[in-house]
Amino acid sequence: MYTEALAEEICDRLATGEPLASICRSPYMPTETKVRLWAINDQAAEDGTGKGFKARYTAAREMGYERMADEIIAIGDADYIGTDGNVDNAAVQKARLQCDNRKWMLSKMLPKRFGDRVTAEVVGDANAPLLTRIELVAVPARVVDVTPQKVMVDAAHTDTKGEVRARHSLLEGDTADD
């Protein structure tokens, strides 16, 4: 059941960067699905008091994502020197994976702020209209010859005298059999 106290705690914990799944594992919390439905339906208390849940949920999520961006800096600035005094390559790789996962998630959840910027530049006179021209060019028809071709048999590659005779008759233009 929706209460303002539950909504407030969920939003506070989301704002600190805690995942919704973790929040909803607490014994007194509703399921993830129920919380998401509250946000979709812009739930308010039964008596109509309190601000709708959707706006608070969205703001808390954005604050959590900001926290995630701060974590990227903290992870990158951490010291990855092992107990032997050398760089711990496994820890460096783990940190890189953590940063990459957070960057990817931020680029999808807040694309205007953390996504890749794609720009298009139009060069030309600023006062002239932008023109697009499409030309249709006539292409000559292609004629395909479909008449049967005569096959020449090389005498060096024949086994029988009949094949050799066929070759000679084709060369001479004679179509009659001997």
Protein backbone atom coordinates (compact mmCIF):
# COMPACT_ATOMS: atom_id res chain seq x y z
CA MET A 1 0.00 0.00 0.00
CA TYR A 2 1.29 3.44 -0.97
CA THR A 3 2.16 5.80 1.85
CA GLU A 4 4.00 9.08 1.83
CA ALA A 5 6.55 7.67 4.27
CA LEU A 6 7.39 4.76 1.93
CA ALA A 7 7.54 7.06 -1.08
CA GLU A 8 9.85 9.44 0.76
CA GLU A 9 12.22 6.66 1.85
CA ILE A 10 12.32 5.12 -1.64
CA CYS A 11 13.15 8.49 -3.20
CA ASP A 12 15.79 9.28 -0.58
CA ARG A 13 17.53 5.97 -1.15
CA LEU A 14 17.32 6.28 -4.94
CA ALA A 15 18.89 9.73 -4.71
CA THR A 16 21.92 8.24 -2.94
CA GLY A 17 22.45 5.91 -5.90
CA GLU A 18 21.04 2.76 -4.33
CA PRO A 19 19.42 0.52 -6.95
CA LEU A 20 15.67 0.03 -6.77
CA ALA A 21 16.13 -3.74 -6.56
CA SER A 22 18.20 -3.33 -3.41
CA ILE A 23 15.68 -0.95 -1.88
CA CYS A 24 12.80 -3.32 -2.55
CA ARG A 25 14.60 -6.25 -0.87
CA SER A 26 14.01 -4.59 2.48
CA PRO A 27 11.30 -6.56 4.32
CA TYR A 28 8.83 -3.69 4.68
CA MET A 29 9.21 -2.37 1.10
CA PRO A 30 6.89 -3.09 -1.83
CA THR A 31 8.06 -4.99 -4.89
CA GLU A 32 9.97 -3.29 -7.71
CA THR A 33 6.98 -3.70 -9.99
CA LYS A 34 4.68 -1.97 -7.51
CA VAL A 35 7.08 0.98 -7.14
CA ARG A 36 7.41 1.33 -10.91
CA LEU A 37 3.62 1.26 -11.25
CA TRP A 38 3.37 4.01 -8.63
CA ALA A 39 5.72 6.10 -10.77
CA ILE A 40 3.87 5.36 -14.01
CA ASN A 41 0.47 6.10 -12.47
CA ASP A 42 1.78 9.19 -10.62
CA GLN A 43 0.52 7.75 -7.35
CA ALA A 44 -0.56 10.02 -4.51
CA ALA A 45 -1.89 9.23 -1.07
CA GLU A 46 -5.45 7.88 -0.90
CA ASP A 47 -6.74 11.10 0.62
CA GLY A 48 -5.20 13.03 -2.31
CA THR A 49 -2.55 14.71 -0.20
CA GLY A 50 1.07 14.80 -1.14
CA LYS A 51 2.80 15.50 -4.36
CA GLY A 52 2.48 12.87 -7.09
CA PHE A 53 5.09 10.15 -6.91
CA LYS A 54 6.19 10.34 -10.56
CA ALA A 55 7.96 13.69 -10.31
CA ARG A 56 9.71 12.79 -7.06
CA TYR A 57 10.73 9.35 -8.40
CA THR A 58 12.15 10.89 -11.60
CA ALA A 59 14.08 13.55 -9.68
CA ALA A 60 15.47 10.95 -7.27
CA ARG A 61 16.57 8.75 -10.18
CA GLU A 62 18.39 11.67 -11.79
CA MET A 63 20.16 12.48 -8.53
CA GLY A 64 21.19 8.82 -8.30
CA TYR A 65 22.62 9.00 -11.80
CA GLU A 66 24.55 12.14 -10.85
CA ARG A 67 25.95 10.18 -7.94
CA MET A 68 26.96 7.45 -10.38
CA ALA A 69 28.85 10.06 -12.43
CA ASP A 70 30.69 11.13 -9.29
CA GLU A 71 31.60 7.49 -8.64
CA ILE A 72 33.33 7.32 -12.03
CA ILE A 73 35.72 10.06 -10.91
CA ALA A 74 36.30 8.39 -7.53
CA ILE A 75 36.98 5.01 -9.14
CA GLY A 76 39.45 6.56 -11.57
CA ASP A 77 41.26 8.51 -8.85
CA ALA A 78 41.67 5.50 -6.55
CA ASP A 79 45.11 4.08 -5.79
CA TYR A 80 45.69 0.71 -7.45
CA ILE A 81 49.07 -0.12 -5.95
CA GLY A 82 49.21 -3.64 -4.56
CA THR A 83 50.79 -4.79 -1.28
CA ASP A 84 54.03 -5.52 -3.10
CA GLY A 85 54.33 -1.89 -4.27
CA ASN A 86 53.46 -2.64 -7.91
CA VAL A 87 50.33 -1.69 -9.83
CA ASP A 88 47.60 -4.29 -9.39
CA ASN A 89 46.57 -4.87 -13.02
CA ALA A 90 43.51 -6.92 -12.07
CA ALA A 91 42.22 -4.06 -9.92
CA VAL A 92 42.88 -1.60 -12.75
CA GLN A 93 40.90 -3.77 -15.18
CA LYS A 94 38.06 -4.12 -12.69
CA ALA A 95 37.98 -0.34 -12.22
CA ARG A 96 37.94 0.19 -15.99
CA LEU A 97 35.00 -2.19 -16.34
CA GLN A 98 33.12 -0.43 -13.53
CA CYS A 99 33.70 2.97 -15.14
CA ASP A 100 32.72 1.74 -18.60
CA ASN A 101 29.51 0.19 -17.29
CA ARG A 102 28.57 3.39 -15.47
CA LYS A 103 29.38 5.56 -18.49
CA TRP A 104 27.27 3.35 -20.76
CA MET A 105 24.35 3.42 -18.34
CA LEU A 106 24.55 7.20 -17.97
CA SER A 107 24.65 7.66 -21.74
CA LYS A 108 21.41 5.67 -22.06
CA MET A 109 19.54 7.03 -19.03
CA LEU A 110 20.51 10.69 -19.46
CA PRO A 111 21.49 10.97 -23.15
CA LYS A 112 21.20 14.77 -23.32
CA ARG A 113 23.70 15.16 -20.55
CA PHE A 114 25.98 12.12 -20.85
CA GLY A 115 25.33 10.77 -24.36
CA ASP A 116 27.49 11.16 -27.42
CA ARG A 117 27.00 14.44 -29.16
CA VAL A 118 26.24 14.18 -32.86
CA THR A 119 26.44 17.37 -34.84
CA ALA A 120 25.91 18.22 -38.49
CA GLU A 121 27.49 21.23 -40.08
CA VAL A 122 26.04 22.92 -43.12
CA VAL A 123 28.54 25.05 -44.98
CA GLY A 124 27.49 27.85 -47.27
CA ASP A 125 25.87 31.25 -47.36
CA ALA A 126 23.76 31.73 -44.23
CA ASN A 127 21.29 33.93 -46.11
CA ALA A 128 20.83 31.54 -49.03
CA PRO A 129 18.23 28.79 -48.85
CA LEU A 130 19.38 25.24 -48.39
CA LEU A 131 18.95 23.44 -51.69
CA THR A 132 18.68 19.76 -52.31
CA ARG A 133 18.76 18.53 -55.88
CA ILE A 134 17.92 15.07 -57.08
CA GLU A 135 18.58 14.26 -60.72
CA LEU A 136 17.16 11.35 -62.63
CA VAL A 137 19.57 10.30 -65.36
CA ALA A 138 18.43 8.19 -68.31
CA VAL A 139 20.40 5.00 -68.69
CA PRO A 140 20.54 3.35 -72.13
CA ALA A 141 18.83 -0.03 -72.37
CA ARG A 142 21.14 -3.00 -72.23
CA VAL A 143 20.71 -5.60 -75.00
CA VAL A 144 21.44 -9.16 -74.03
CA ASP A 145 22.21 -11.69 -76.78
CA VAL A 146 20.39 -14.93 -76.05
CA THR A 147 21.23 -16.85 -79.23
CA PRO A 148 22.91 -20.23 -78.64
CA GLN A 149 26.65 -20.23 -79.08
CA LYS A 150 28.65 -22.91 -80.89
CA VAL A 151 30.99 -24.85 -78.66
CA MET A 152 34.47 -25.57 -79.93
CA VAL A 153 36.12 -28.78 -78.81
CA ASP A 154 39.88 -28.76 -78.65
CA ALA A 155 41.34 -31.79 -80.48
CA ALA A 156 44.05 -32.16 -77.85
CA HIS A 157 41.42 -32.81 -75.20
CA THR A 158 39.20 -35.27 -77.08
CA ASP A 159 38.97 -39.01 -76.70
CA THR A 160 37.11 -40.15 -79.78
CA LYS A 161 37.27 -39.48 -83.48
CA GLY A 162 33.62 -38.37 -83.37
CA GLU A 163 34.51 -35.48 -81.14
CA VAL A 164 37.31 -34.44 -83.44
CA ARG A 165 34.95 -34.62 -86.46
CA ALA A 166 32.44 -32.45 -84.61
CA ARG A 167 35.14 -29.86 -84.04
CA HIS A 168 36.18 -29.80 -87.70
CA SER A 169 32.59 -29.48 -88.90
CA LEU A 170 31.98 -26.55 -86.53
CA LEU A 171 35.10 -24.79 -87.75
CA GLU A 172 34.19 -25.28 -91.40
CA GLY A 173 30.60 -24.17 -90.86
CA ASP A 174 29.34 -27.57 -91.98
CA THR A 175 26.41 -28.83 -89.94
CA ALA A 176 25.98 -32.15 -91.76
CA ASP A 177 27.27 -35.40 -90.32
CA ASP A 178 29.86 -37.47 -92.22
